[in-house]
N, C-alpha and C. Protein backbone atom coordinates (compact mmCIF):
# COMPACT_ATOMS: atom_id res chain seq x y z
N MET A 1 58.61 -141.38 -147.83
CA MET A 1 58.56 -141.92 -149.17
C MET A 1 58.25 -140.87 -150.05
N GLY A 2 58.99 -140.83 -151.32
CA GLY A 2 58.91 -139.62 -152.05
C GLY A 2 57.70 -139.68 -152.84
N TRP A 3 57.09 -138.61 -153.57
CA TRP A 3 55.80 -138.44 -154.37
C TRP A 3 56.12 -139.39 -155.67
N GLY A 4 55.29 -140.04 -156.16
CA GLY A 4 55.53 -140.84 -157.36
C GLY A 4 55.78 -142.29 -157.25
N LYS A 5 56.54 -142.33 -156.06
CA LYS A 5 56.97 -143.92 -155.76
C LYS A 5 55.89 -144.91 -155.37
N LYS A 6 55.74 -146.01 -156.16
CA LYS A 6 54.80 -146.85 -155.69
C LYS A 6 55.19 -147.62 -154.44
N MET A 7 54.33 -148.05 -153.49
CA MET A 7 54.70 -148.69 -152.36
C MET A 7 54.61 -150.18 -152.74
N SER A 8 55.63 -150.81 -152.11
CA SER A 8 55.62 -152.30 -152.29
C SER A 8 54.30 -152.79 -151.62
N GLU A 9 54.24 -154.14 -151.86
CA GLU A 9 52.99 -154.75 -151.14
C GLU A 9 52.88 -154.86 -149.61
N ALA A 10 54.34 -155.03 -149.23
CA ALA A 10 54.54 -154.91 -147.76
C ALA A 10 54.34 -153.58 -147.01
N GLU A 11 54.63 -152.55 -148.02
CA GLU A 11 54.35 -151.31 -147.50
C GLU A 11 52.89 -150.94 -147.27
N THR A 12 52.27 -151.30 -148.52
CA THR A 12 50.82 -151.14 -148.53
C THR A 12 50.09 -151.94 -147.25
N PHE A 13 50.60 -153.22 -147.10
CA PHE A 13 49.85 -153.92 -145.97
C PHE A 13 50.09 -153.25 -144.69
N ASN A 14 51.51 -152.71 -144.63
CA ASN A 14 51.62 -152.14 -143.39
C ASN A 14 50.80 -150.81 -142.89
N VAL A 15 50.55 -150.14 -144.04
CA VAL A 15 49.79 -148.98 -143.89
C VAL A 15 48.37 -149.42 -143.57
N LEU A 16 47.76 -150.29 -144.18
CA LEU A 16 46.43 -150.88 -144.24
C LEU A 16 46.23 -151.40 -142.87
N MET A 17 47.19 -152.14 -142.21
CA MET A 17 47.15 -152.46 -140.99
C MET A 17 47.00 -151.51 -139.92
N LYS A 18 47.78 -150.28 -139.91
CA LYS A 18 47.74 -149.14 -139.14
C LYS A 18 46.49 -148.68 -139.30
N GLN A 19 45.89 -148.45 -140.39
CA GLN A 19 44.61 -147.65 -140.61
C GLN A 19 43.55 -148.54 -140.04
N ALA A 20 43.71 -149.92 -140.02
CA ALA A 20 42.52 -150.86 -139.41
C ALA A 20 42.76 -150.64 -137.91
N ASP A 21 44.00 -150.54 -137.39
CA ASP A 21 44.11 -150.18 -135.98
C ASP A 21 43.35 -148.88 -135.55
N LYS A 22 43.75 -148.07 -136.33
CA LYS A 22 42.97 -146.70 -135.92
C LYS A 22 41.56 -146.89 -136.07
N LEU A 23 40.92 -147.48 -137.05
CA LEU A 23 39.52 -147.42 -137.01
C LEU A 23 39.01 -148.40 -135.98
N ARG A 24 39.77 -149.34 -135.58
CA ARG A 24 39.21 -150.28 -134.49
C ARG A 24 39.36 -149.43 -133.15
N ASP A 25 40.20 -148.72 -132.81
CA ASP A 25 40.28 -147.73 -131.58
C ASP A 25 39.12 -146.59 -131.77
N GLU A 26 38.91 -146.26 -132.83
CA GLU A 26 37.57 -145.27 -133.23
C GLU A 26 36.38 -145.95 -132.80
N ILE A 27 36.15 -146.89 -133.28
CA ILE A 27 34.91 -148.05 -133.01
C ILE A 27 35.00 -148.20 -131.53
N ARG A 28 35.94 -148.65 -130.99
CA ARG A 28 36.00 -148.96 -129.42
C ARG A 28 35.27 -147.74 -128.69
N GLU A 29 35.77 -146.63 -129.17
CA GLU A 29 35.63 -145.44 -128.49
C GLU A 29 34.29 -145.10 -128.77
N LEU A 30 33.49 -145.08 -129.76
CA LEU A 30 32.33 -144.75 -129.95
C LEU A 30 31.34 -145.70 -129.18
N LEU A 31 31.93 -147.17 -129.06
CA LEU A 31 31.06 -148.06 -128.37
C LEU A 31 31.09 -147.83 -126.87
N GLU A 32 32.06 -147.29 -126.32
CA GLU A 32 32.31 -146.98 -124.97
C GLU A 32 31.66 -145.58 -124.52
N ALA A 33 31.37 -144.65 -125.48
CA ALA A 33 30.81 -143.45 -125.35
C ALA A 33 29.47 -143.69 -124.37
N PRO A 34 29.10 -142.80 -123.46
CA PRO A 34 27.98 -143.07 -122.58
C PRO A 34 26.86 -142.74 -123.34
N ASP A 35 26.86 -141.80 -124.31
CA ASP A 35 25.66 -141.41 -125.05
C ASP A 35 25.84 -141.72 -126.51
N GLN A 36 25.08 -142.88 -126.57
CA GLN A 36 24.82 -143.58 -127.68
C GLN A 36 23.74 -142.78 -128.56
N THR A 37 23.96 -142.27 -129.62
CA THR A 37 23.05 -141.48 -130.29
C THR A 37 22.91 -142.07 -131.81
N ARG A 38 21.94 -141.66 -132.45
CA ARG A 38 21.53 -142.07 -133.84
C ARG A 38 22.85 -141.70 -134.81
N THR A 39 23.62 -140.55 -134.48
CA THR A 39 24.65 -139.99 -135.21
C THR A 39 25.60 -140.88 -135.03
N SER A 40 26.07 -141.34 -133.76
CA SER A 40 27.17 -142.20 -133.57
C SER A 40 26.89 -143.61 -133.96
N ALA A 41 25.54 -143.85 -134.18
CA ALA A 41 25.16 -145.34 -134.94
C ALA A 41 25.45 -145.13 -136.43
N ARG A 42 25.19 -143.97 -137.08
CA ARG A 42 25.68 -143.91 -138.16
C ARG A 42 27.18 -143.94 -138.54
N LEU A 43 27.73 -143.09 -137.44
CA LEU A 43 29.34 -143.29 -137.73
C LEU A 43 30.04 -144.63 -137.37
N LEU A 44 29.30 -145.50 -136.49
CA LEU A 44 29.88 -146.69 -136.51
C LEU A 44 29.56 -147.58 -137.58
N LYS A 45 28.44 -147.42 -138.39
CA LYS A 45 28.30 -148.18 -139.41
C LYS A 45 29.43 -147.69 -140.56
N GLN A 46 29.44 -146.53 -140.67
CA GLN A 46 30.63 -145.98 -141.60
C GLN A 46 31.92 -146.57 -141.20
N LYS A 47 32.31 -146.38 -140.01
CA LYS A 47 33.61 -147.04 -139.43
C LYS A 47 33.93 -148.38 -139.90
N HIS A 48 32.62 -149.09 -139.63
CA HIS A 48 32.74 -150.56 -139.85
C HIS A 48 32.87 -150.91 -141.48
N ARG A 49 32.23 -150.04 -142.21
CA ARG A 49 32.48 -150.38 -143.78
C ARG A 49 33.84 -149.96 -144.03
N GLU A 50 34.33 -149.00 -143.53
CA GLU A 50 35.71 -148.53 -143.98
C GLU A 50 36.77 -149.83 -143.50
N LEU A 51 36.29 -150.37 -142.36
CA LEU A 51 37.26 -151.42 -141.79
C LEU A 51 37.06 -152.71 -142.86
N ASP A 52 35.82 -152.82 -143.15
CA ASP A 52 35.53 -154.09 -144.07
C ASP A 52 36.31 -153.80 -145.43
N GLU A 53 36.24 -152.61 -145.89
CA GLU A 53 37.07 -152.45 -147.16
C GLU A 53 38.63 -152.50 -146.94
N ILE A 54 39.26 -152.31 -145.75
CA ILE A 54 40.54 -152.32 -145.67
C ILE A 54 40.62 -153.85 -145.60
N HIS A 55 39.86 -154.53 -144.74
CA HIS A 55 40.01 -156.14 -144.64
C HIS A 55 40.23 -156.78 -145.99
N GLU A 56 39.09 -156.31 -147.01
CA GLU A 56 39.21 -156.92 -148.47
C GLU A 56 40.53 -156.63 -149.20
N LYS A 57 41.02 -155.23 -148.96
CA LYS A 57 42.36 -155.01 -149.46
C LYS A 57 43.56 -155.73 -148.91
N LEU A 58 43.60 -155.90 -147.54
CA LEU A 58 44.61 -156.96 -146.95
C LEU A 58 44.46 -158.44 -147.51
N ALA A 59 43.00 -158.90 -147.57
CA ALA A 59 43.07 -160.27 -148.14
C ALA A 59 43.66 -160.44 -149.54
N ASP A 60 43.55 -159.39 -150.55
CA ASP A 60 43.71 -159.27 -151.58
C ASP A 60 45.31 -159.62 -151.85
N ILE A 61 46.04 -158.64 -150.95
CA ILE A 61 47.66 -158.65 -150.79
C ILE A 61 48.08 -160.05 -150.47
N ILE A 62 47.33 -160.57 -149.24
CA ILE A 62 47.73 -162.03 -148.94
C ILE A 62 47.48 -163.15 -149.96
N TYR A 63 46.49 -162.95 -150.66
CA TYR A 63 46.13 -164.15 -151.78
C TYR A 63 47.26 -163.77 -152.74
N LYS A 64 47.50 -162.53 -153.31
CA LYS A 64 48.45 -162.32 -154.14
C LYS A 64 49.86 -162.88 -153.76
N THR A 65 50.05 -162.74 -152.38
CA THR A 65 51.37 -163.29 -152.02
C THR A 65 51.59 -164.87 -151.90
N GLU A 66 50.53 -165.43 -151.36
CA GLU A 66 50.35 -166.72 -151.49
C GLU A 66 50.67 -167.31 -152.91
N VAL A 67 49.81 -166.62 -153.90
CA VAL A 67 50.10 -167.26 -155.21
C VAL A 67 51.34 -167.01 -155.72
N LYS A 68 52.04 -166.07 -155.57
CA LYS A 68 53.49 -165.68 -155.92
C LYS A 68 54.14 -166.87 -155.29
N LYS A 69 54.02 -167.15 -153.91
CA LYS A 69 54.87 -168.09 -153.16
C LYS A 69 54.48 -169.45 -153.58
N ALA A 70 53.40 -169.73 -154.37
CA ALA A 70 53.14 -171.28 -155.00
C ALA A 70 53.44 -171.16 -156.29
N GLY A 71 54.18 -170.03 -156.71
CA GLY A 71 54.52 -170.17 -158.21
C GLY A 71 53.48 -170.27 -159.17
N MET A 72 52.28 -169.77 -158.99
CA MET A 72 51.12 -169.84 -159.76
C MET A 72 51.35 -168.55 -160.99
């Protein structure tokens, strides 16, 4: 994709899904680590916040798509 080209909603959705999958994997690895420390707890909290933000963006895209389909 070239610079300056705006991504379609479908492309944005796919990028966000990949980011969410990556974050879930990172969270899973942190949870499976044998040495849970305060640092990893903070990192887990940060990763969960990032994942929540992605979920909000995905929900917005889905909502906009449904509104368009309904012709509103």
